[in-house]
Amino acid sequence: MSDPTRLPLAALLTLVSVLLVAFELMFQMLYIGPVPVPIGTVLVVVSLPWLVRTSVTEISPTAAGAAAPVAVWFVSVLVLGLFGPGGDVLLPGTWQSMLLLVAGAASGLVAFRRAVENLAASRAQQVR
């Protein structure tokens, strides 16, 4: 990321990622009546691939650029989920928490893999 004009975009993308994690954690334990409705899982499945794609296309077209949003997501989930605001635990030991972690890991890794494959394919075309 040697281009200085990309630094504000990288900072904004990191901030958006952390805010999305906060929303995901807040809405993960949502109940409508007695029925659990883990909206955070839907948010992570949609937002994390978008963050990876945006990072690769707009900020850093490298494998590290693709991995950065996934790493920020995991760190943010652990910090906000276990040591939340005011000492609240936003990631209790329930199936909804496990669903959020598994869905985030799966969607993040699939998006990372696609980004790396696309980078490799574009570099292979440039060599030809």
Protein backbone atom coordinates (compact mmCIF):
# COMPACT_ATOMS: atom_id res chain seq x y z
CA MET A 1 0.00 0.00 0.00
CA SER A 2 2.58 2.53 -1.12
CA ASP A 3 0.05 4.96 -2.58
CA PRO A 4 -0.76 7.56 0.12
CA THR A 5 -4.21 8.23 -1.34
CA ARG A 6 -5.27 4.71 -0.38
CA LEU A 7 -4.53 5.20 3.33
CA PRO A 8 -7.79 7.07 4.12
CA LEU A 9 -9.77 4.42 2.26
CA ALA A 10 -8.02 1.66 4.21
CA ALA A 11 -8.79 3.44 7.49
CA LEU A 12 -12.42 3.89 6.46
CA LEU A 13 -12.72 0.24 5.47
CA THR A 14 -11.26 -0.83 8.83
CA LEU A 15 -13.71 1.42 10.67
CA VAL A 16 -16.63 0.04 8.66
CA SER A 17 -15.47 -3.48 9.43
CA VAL A 18 -15.37 -2.84 13.18
CA LEU A 19 -18.78 -1.15 13.11
CA LEU A 20 -20.25 -4.07 11.17
CA VAL A 21 -18.87 -6.45 13.80
CA ALA A 22 -20.56 -4.39 16.51
CA PHE A 23 -23.88 -4.59 14.66
CA GLU A 24 -23.45 -8.30 14.01
CA LEU A 25 -22.81 -8.95 17.69
CA MET A 26 -25.74 -6.79 18.78
CA PHE A 27 -28.22 -8.45 16.44
CA GLN A 28 -26.94 -12.01 16.83
CA MET A 29 -28.86 -12.68 20.05
CA LEU A 30 -32.11 -11.16 18.74
CA TYR A 31 -35.33 -12.93 19.63
CA ILE A 32 -38.75 -12.37 18.12
CA GLY A 33 -40.99 -13.75 20.82
CA PRO A 34 -39.52 -17.08 21.87
CA VAL A 35 -37.83 -17.66 18.48
CA PRO A 36 -34.12 -16.80 18.09
CA VAL A 37 -33.40 -14.82 14.93
CA PRO A 38 -29.61 -14.53 14.46
CA ILE A 39 -29.54 -11.55 12.10
CA GLY A 40 -25.81 -11.09 12.75
CA THR A 41 -25.11 -14.25 10.78
CA VAL A 42 -26.85 -12.83 7.71
CA LEU A 43 -24.92 -9.59 8.11
CA VAL A 44 -21.55 -11.35 8.28
CA VAL A 45 -22.28 -13.61 5.29
CA VAL A 46 -23.09 -10.52 3.20
CA SER A 47 -20.60 -7.99 4.56
CA LEU A 48 -17.35 -9.94 4.93
CA PRO A 49 -17.06 -11.00 1.26
CA TRP A 50 -17.86 -7.41 0.27
CA LEU A 51 -15.09 -6.14 2.55
CA VAL A 52 -12.58 -8.60 1.07
CA ARG A 53 -13.56 -7.71 -2.50
CA THR A 54 -13.39 -3.97 -1.77
CA SER A 55 -10.02 -4.34 -0.09
CA VAL A 56 -8.53 -6.20 -3.05
CA THR A 57 -10.00 -3.99 -5.77
CA GLU A 58 -9.64 -0.57 -4.14
CA ILE A 59 -6.79 -0.72 -1.62
CA SER A 60 -4.27 -3.51 -2.04
CA PRO A 61 -4.44 -6.12 -4.82
CA THR A 62 -2.38 -8.66 -2.87
CA ALA A 63 -3.05 -11.72 -0.76
CA ALA A 64 -2.30 -9.65 2.35
CA GLY A 65 -4.86 -7.10 1.21
CA ALA A 66 -7.43 -9.88 0.86
CA ALA A 67 -6.60 -11.32 4.28
CA ALA A 68 -6.71 -7.98 6.13
CA PRO A 69 -10.53 -7.67 6.40
CA VAL A 70 -10.82 -11.26 7.63
CA ALA A 71 -8.13 -10.67 10.26
CA VAL A 72 -9.75 -7.40 11.36
CA TRP A 73 -13.10 -9.19 11.61
CA PHE A 74 -11.70 -11.97 13.83
CA VAL A 75 -9.85 -9.57 16.12
CA SER A 76 -12.88 -7.29 16.37
CA VAL A 77 -15.20 -10.20 17.20
CA LEU A 78 -12.87 -11.41 19.91
CA VAL A 79 -12.28 -7.98 21.44
CA LEU A 80 -15.85 -6.70 21.23
CA GLY A 81 -17.42 -10.09 21.89
CA LEU A 82 -15.42 -11.05 24.95
CA PHE A 83 -14.45 -7.66 26.35
CA GLY A 84 -17.39 -5.59 25.13
CA PRO A 85 -18.33 -2.08 26.10
CA GLY A 86 -18.74 -1.68 29.85
CA GLY A 87 -17.52 -5.23 30.47
CA ASP A 88 -20.54 -6.76 28.70
CA VAL A 89 -20.05 -10.10 27.00
CA LEU A 90 -21.63 -9.84 23.55
CA LEU A 91 -20.50 -13.32 22.55
CA PRO A 92 -21.91 -15.71 25.16
CA GLY A 93 -21.41 -19.46 24.95
CA THR A 94 -24.52 -20.26 22.90
CA TRP A 95 -25.25 -21.83 19.55
CA GLN A 96 -25.92 -18.38 18.08
CA SER A 97 -22.38 -17.31 18.92
CA MET A 98 -20.96 -20.45 17.35
CA LEU A 99 -23.11 -19.85 14.26
CA LEU A 100 -21.72 -16.33 13.93
CA LEU A 101 -18.12 -17.54 14.25
CA VAL A 102 -18.56 -20.41 11.80
CA ALA A 103 -20.45 -18.30 9.26
CA GLY A 104 -17.85 -15.53 9.52
CA ALA A 105 -14.95 -17.92 9.15
CA ALA A 106 -16.55 -19.73 6.22
CA SER A 107 -17.59 -16.63 4.30
CA GLY A 108 -14.28 -14.90 5.02
CA LEU A 109 -12.19 -17.84 3.89
CA VAL A 110 -14.27 -18.42 0.75
CA ALA A 111 -14.00 -14.74 -0.16
CA PHE A 112 -10.25 -14.79 0.56
CA ARG A 113 -9.77 -17.87 -1.63
CA ARG A 114 -11.72 -16.32 -4.51
CA ALA A 115 -9.76 -13.10 -4.24
CA VAL A 116 -6.42 -14.93 -4.29
CA GLU A 117 -7.52 -17.07 -7.25
CA ASN A 118 -8.63 -13.97 -9.16
CA LEU A 119 -5.32 -12.26 -8.38
CA ALA A 120 -3.40 -15.29 -9.60
CA ALA A 121 -5.50 -15.47 -12.78
CA SER A 122 -5.00 -11.78 -13.53
CA ARG A 123 -1.23 -12.09 -13.00
CA ALA A 124 -1.14 -15.14 -15.27
CA GLN A 125 -2.90 -13.13 -18.00
CA GLN A 126 -0.42 -10.29 -17.59
CA VAL A 127 2.49 -12.68 -18.10
CA ARG A 128 1.06 -14.03 -21.37
